[in-house]
Amino acid sequence: MAHENHEKAIRQVYVGLGILAVITLIEVGVSLFGKGHIIKGMDENFWVVIIAALLIILLSLYKAKFIIYEFMHMRHEVKGLARSVLLPVLLLVWAIVAFFYEGSTWKERRQDIKERDEMSVTDTKSMGMYHREWTEQDFQ
């Protein structure tokens, strides 16, 4: 009886690895298609790139769920424990998205500041900003 359970467990591991391998091959194919390596010019179509990216994200999330539920045995745990493990993962994903958004905002602001620093004094006068020339009387 124990021998049958061991054989069944090994079979389930190989089936799981097969599922993960097939999903990975689909992801690679979608990525190559979206980047224009399979059909030339597909990378120039905005919607093809967006759909390919969303499909890769969805397949990756499914693989992560499959690994957590099958290989980490979360499927058989109490729902509260499973949620306590998955909630920090979701918060981590949210934090990564927030960091990317914030980073792009900082990049845009940095470029704006560089452009303002490069403006000459005459440009600031034409914008209505106050500019004062210092004289000897100011220092006495």
C-alpha atoms as a PDB file:
ATOM      1  CA  MET A   1       0.000   0.000   0.000  1.00  0.00           C
ATOM      2  CA  ALA A   2       2.780   2.450   0.900  1.00  0.00           C
ATOM      3  CA  HIS A   3       4.552   1.486  -2.320  1.00  0.00           C
ATOM      4  CA  GLU A   4       1.453   2.475  -4.338  1.00  0.00           C
ATOM      5  CA  ASN A   5       1.267   5.862  -2.615  1.00  0.00           C
ATOM      6  CA  HIS A   6       4.942   6.459  -3.344  1.00  0.00           C
ATOM      7  CA  GLU A   7       4.473   5.567  -7.015  1.00  0.00           C
ATOM      8  CA  LYS A   8       1.375   7.790  -7.183  1.00  0.00           C
ATOM      9  CA  ALA A   9       3.284  10.695  -5.628  1.00  0.00           C
ATOM     10  CA  ILE A  10       6.138  10.299  -8.111  1.00  0.00           C
ATOM     11  CA  ARG A  11       3.640  10.184 -10.983  1.00  0.00           C
ATOM     12  CA  GLN A  12       1.972  13.371  -9.701  1.00  0.00           C
ATOM     13  CA  VAL A  13       5.346  15.126  -9.539  1.00  0.00           C
ATOM     14  CA  TYR A  14       6.110  14.185 -13.145  1.00  0.00           C
ATOM     15  CA  VAL A  15       2.653  15.294 -14.274  1.00  0.00           C
ATOM     16  CA  GLY A  16       3.165  18.607 -12.466  1.00  0.00           C
ATOM     17  CA  LEU A  17       6.568  19.085 -14.067  1.00  0.00           C
ATOM     18  CA  GLY A  18       5.038  18.295 -17.460  1.00  0.00           C
ATOM     19  CA  ILE A  19       2.311  20.889 -16.946  1.00  0.00           C
ATOM     20  CA  LEU A  20       4.890  23.490 -15.920  1.00  0.00           C
ATOM     21  CA  ALA A  21       7.074  22.616 -18.923  1.00  0.00           C
ATOM     22  CA  VAL A  22       4.169  22.959 -21.371  1.00  0.00           C
ATOM     23  CA  ILE A  23       3.137  26.313 -19.888  1.00  0.00           C
ATOM     24  CA  THR A  24       6.754  27.513 -20.069  1.00  0.00           C
ATOM     25  CA  LEU A  25       6.987  26.493 -23.728  1.00  0.00           C
ATOM     26  CA  ILE A  26       3.750  28.382 -24.447  1.00  0.00           C
ATOM     27  CA  GLU A  27       5.193  31.443 -22.690  1.00  0.00           C
ATOM     28  CA  VAL A  28       8.382  31.257 -24.751  1.00  0.00           C
ATOM     29  CA  GLY A  29       6.358  30.889 -27.959  1.00  0.00           C
ATOM     30  CA  VAL A  30       4.131  33.849 -27.097  1.00  0.00           C
ATOM     31  CA  SER A  31       7.191  35.921 -26.210  1.00  0.00           C
ATOM     32  CA  LEU A  32       8.933  35.090 -29.495  1.00  0.00           C
ATOM     33  CA  PHE A  33       5.723  35.850 -31.394  1.00  0.00           C
ATOM     34  CA  GLY A  34       5.191  39.143 -29.555  1.00  0.00           C
ATOM     35  CA  LYS A  35       8.775  40.249 -30.192  1.00  0.00           C
ATOM     36  CA  GLY A  36       8.475  39.529 -33.918  1.00  0.00           C
ATOM     37  CA  HIS A  37      10.880  36.593 -34.123  1.00  0.00           C
ATOM     38  CA  ILE A  38       8.290  34.170 -35.535  1.00  0.00           C
ATOM     39  CA  ILE A  39       6.413  36.560 -37.824  1.00  0.00           C
ATOM     40  CA  LYS A  40       8.392  39.649 -38.798  1.00  0.00           C
ATOM     41  CA  GLY A  41       6.772  42.959 -37.950  1.00  0.00           C
ATOM     42  CA  MET A  42       4.548  41.731 -35.111  1.00  0.00           C
ATOM     43  CA  ASP A  43       6.540  43.723 -32.581  1.00  0.00           C
ATOM     44  CA  GLU A  44       5.404  46.916 -34.324  1.00  0.00           C
ATOM     45  CA  ASN A  45       1.722  46.196 -33.631  1.00  0.00           C
ATOM     46  CA  PHE A  46       0.878  47.710 -30.232  1.00  0.00           C
ATOM     47  CA  TRP A  47      -2.039  45.392 -29.478  1.00  0.00           C
ATOM     48  CA  VAL A  48      -0.094  42.235 -30.263  1.00  0.00           C
ATOM     49  CA  VAL A  49       2.608  43.283 -27.798  1.00  0.00           C
ATOM     50  CA  ILE A  50       0.028  44.133 -25.094  1.00  0.00           C
ATOM     51  CA  ILE A  51      -1.886  40.876 -25.554  1.00  0.00           C
ATOM     52  CA  ALA A  52       1.357  38.871 -25.530  1.00  0.00           C
ATOM     53  CA  ALA A  53       2.474  40.607 -22.325  1.00  0.00           C
ATOM     54  CA  LEU A  54      -0.878  40.002 -20.616  1.00  0.00           C
ATOM     55  CA  LEU A  55      -0.883  36.363 -21.697  1.00  0.00           C
ATOM     56  CA  ILE A  56       2.630  35.859 -20.318  1.00  0.00           C
ATOM     57  CA  ILE A  57       1.633  37.512 -17.041  1.00  0.00           C
ATOM     58  CA  LEU A  58      -1.459  35.315 -16.713  1.00  0.00           C
ATOM     59  CA  LEU A  59       0.464  32.133 -17.497  1.00  0.00           C
ATOM     60  CA  SER A  60       3.175  33.088 -14.997  1.00  0.00           C
ATOM     61  CA  LEU A  61       0.571  33.730 -12.298  1.00  0.00           C
ATOM     62  CA  TYR A  62      -1.012  30.359 -13.034  1.00  0.00           C
ATOM     63  CA  LYS A  63       2.388  28.670 -12.735  1.00  0.00           C
ATOM     64  CA  ALA A  64       3.012  30.412  -9.416  1.00  0.00           C
ATOM     65  CA  LYS A  65      -0.405  29.301  -8.122  1.00  0.00           C
ATOM     66  CA  PHE A  66       0.194  25.757  -9.343  1.00  0.00           C
ATOM     67  CA  ILE A  67       3.594  25.573  -7.634  1.00  0.00           C
ATOM     68  CA  ILE A  68       2.236  26.994  -4.379  1.00  0.00           C
ATOM     69  CA  TYR A  69      -0.817  24.754  -4.297  1.00  0.00           C
ATOM     70  CA  GLU A  70       0.745  21.508  -5.549  1.00  0.00           C
ATOM     71  CA  PHE A  71       4.429  21.482  -4.653  1.00  0.00           C
ATOM     72  CA  MET A  72       4.131  23.509  -1.459  1.00  0.00           C
ATOM     73  CA  HIS A  73       0.985  21.542  -0.504  1.00  0.00           C
ATOM     74  CA  MET A  74      -1.133  24.629   0.202  1.00  0.00           C
ATOM     75  CA  ARG A  75      -4.165  22.941  -1.346  1.00  0.00           C
ATOM     76  CA  HIS A  76      -4.441  20.652   1.678  1.00  0.00           C
ATOM     77  CA  GLU A  77      -3.899  23.339   4.330  1.00  0.00           C
ATOM     78  CA  VAL A  78      -6.418  25.314   6.313  1.00  0.00           C
ATOM     79  CA  LYS A  79      -7.721  28.298   4.315  1.00  0.00           C
ATOM     80  CA  GLY A  80      -6.472  30.775   6.925  1.00  0.00           C
ATOM     81  CA  LEU A  81      -2.909  29.478   6.592  1.00  0.00           C
ATOM     82  CA  ALA A  82      -3.092  29.591   2.806  1.00  0.00           C
ATOM     83  CA  ARG A  83      -4.345  33.179   2.927  1.00  0.00           C
ATOM     84  CA  SER A  84      -1.634  34.182   5.407  1.00  0.00           C
ATOM     85  CA  VAL A  85       0.963  32.951   2.909  1.00  0.00           C
ATOM     86  CA  LEU A  86      -0.664  34.353  -0.239  1.00  0.00           C
ATOM     87  CA  LEU A  87      -1.564  37.812   1.102  1.00  0.00           C
ATOM     88  CA  PRO A  88       2.074  38.924   1.586  1.00  0.00           C
ATOM     89  CA  VAL A  89       2.819  37.693  -1.938  1.00  0.00           C
ATOM     90  CA  LEU A  90       0.012  39.877  -3.301  1.00  0.00           C
ATOM     91  CA  LEU A  91       1.298  42.813  -1.265  1.00  0.00           C
ATOM     92  CA  LEU A  92       4.773  42.228  -2.684  1.00  0.00           C
ATOM     93  CA  VAL A  93       3.388  42.312  -6.232  1.00  0.00           C
ATOM     94  CA  TRP A  94       1.517  45.522  -5.394  1.00  0.00           C
ATOM     95  CA  ALA A  95       4.725  47.042  -3.976  1.00  0.00           C
ATOM     96  CA  ILE A  96       6.685  46.168  -7.120  1.00  0.00           C
ATOM     97  CA  VAL A  97       4.052  47.806  -9.325  1.00  0.00           C
ATOM     98  CA  ALA A  98       4.036  50.876  -7.062  1.00  0.00           C
ATOM     99  CA  PHE A  99       7.851  51.119  -7.173  1.00  0.00           C
ATOM    100  CA  PHE A 100       7.855  50.967 -10.972  1.00  0.00           C
ATOM    101  CA  TYR A 101       5.209  53.694 -11.150  1.00  0.00           C
ATOM    102  CA  GLU A 102       7.021  55.865  -8.618  1.00  0.00           C
ATOM    103  CA  GLY A 103      10.343  55.310 -10.379  1.00  0.00           C
ATOM    104  CA  SER A 104       8.964  56.515 -13.694  1.00  0.00           C
ATOM    105  CA  THR A 105       7.546  59.590 -11.962  1.00  0.00           C
ATOM    106  CA  TRP A 106      10.961  60.371 -10.457  1.00  0.00           C
ATOM    107  CA  LYS A 107      12.575  59.924 -13.871  1.00  0.00           C
ATOM    108  CA  GLU A 108      10.150  62.393 -15.471  1.00  0.00           C
ATOM    109  CA  ARG A 109      10.654  64.923 -12.672  1.00  0.00           C
ATOM    110  CA  ARG A 110      14.438  64.572 -12.872  1.00  0.00           C
ATOM    111  CA  GLN A 111      14.337  65.373 -16.591  1.00  0.00           C
ATOM    112  CA  ASP A 112      12.109  68.387 -15.895  1.00  0.00           C
ATOM    113  CA  ILE A 113      14.544  69.651 -13.255  1.00  0.00           C
ATOM    114  CA  LYS A 114      17.511  69.226 -15.620  1.00  0.00           C
ATOM    115  CA  GLU A 115      15.700  71.236 -18.286  1.00  0.00           C
ATOM    116  CA  ARG A 116      14.943  74.003 -15.818  1.00  0.00           C
ATOM    117  CA  ASP A 117      18.558  74.087 -14.601  1.00  0.00           C
ATOM    118  CA  GLU A 118      19.799  74.482 -18.168  1.00  0.00           C
ATOM    119  CA  MET A 119      17.613  77.524 -18.843  1.00  0.00           C
ATOM    120  CA  SER A 120      19.537  80.778 -19.084  1.00  0.00           C
ATOM    121  CA  VAL A 121      18.894  83.872 -17.014  1.00  0.00           C
ATOM    122  CA  THR A 122      17.224  85.580 -19.967  1.00  0.00           C
ATOM    123  CA  ASP A 123      14.758  82.708 -20.217  1.00  0.00           C
ATOM    124  CA  THR A 124      13.779  83.186 -16.576  1.00  0.00           C
ATOM    125  CA  LYS A 125      13.248  86.920 -17.183  1.00  0.00           C
ATOM    126  CA  SER A 126      10.989  86.197 -20.118  1.00  0.00           C
ATOM    127  CA  MET A 127       8.959  83.823 -17.944  1.00  0.00           C
ATOM    128  CA  GLY A 128       8.240  86.675 -15.546  1.00  0.00           C
ATOM    129  CA  MET A 129      10.544  85.416 -12.816  1.00  0.00           C
ATOM    130  CA  TYR A 130      12.337  87.998 -10.735  1.00  0.00           C
ATOM    131  CA  HIS A 131      16.061  88.219 -11.341  1.00  0.00           C
ATOM    132  CA  ARG A 132      18.221  90.797  -9.588  1.00  0.00           C
ATOM    133  CA  GLU A 133      21.699  91.869 -10.510  1.00  0.00           C
ATOM    134  CA  TRP A 134      23.887  92.485  -7.451  1.00  0.00           C
ATOM    135  CA  THR A 135      25.743  95.797  -7.140  1.00  0.00           C
ATOM    136  CA  GLU A 136      28.485  97.100  -4.841  1.00  0.00           C
ATOM    137  CA  GLN A 137      25.906  98.991  -2.752  1.00  0.00           C
ATOM    138  CA  ASP A 138      24.231  95.730  -1.764  1.00  0.00           C
ATOM    139  CA  PHE A 139      27.376  94.589   0.043  1.00  0.00           C
ATOM    140  CA  GLN A 140      27.987  97.793   2.026  1.00  0.00           C
END
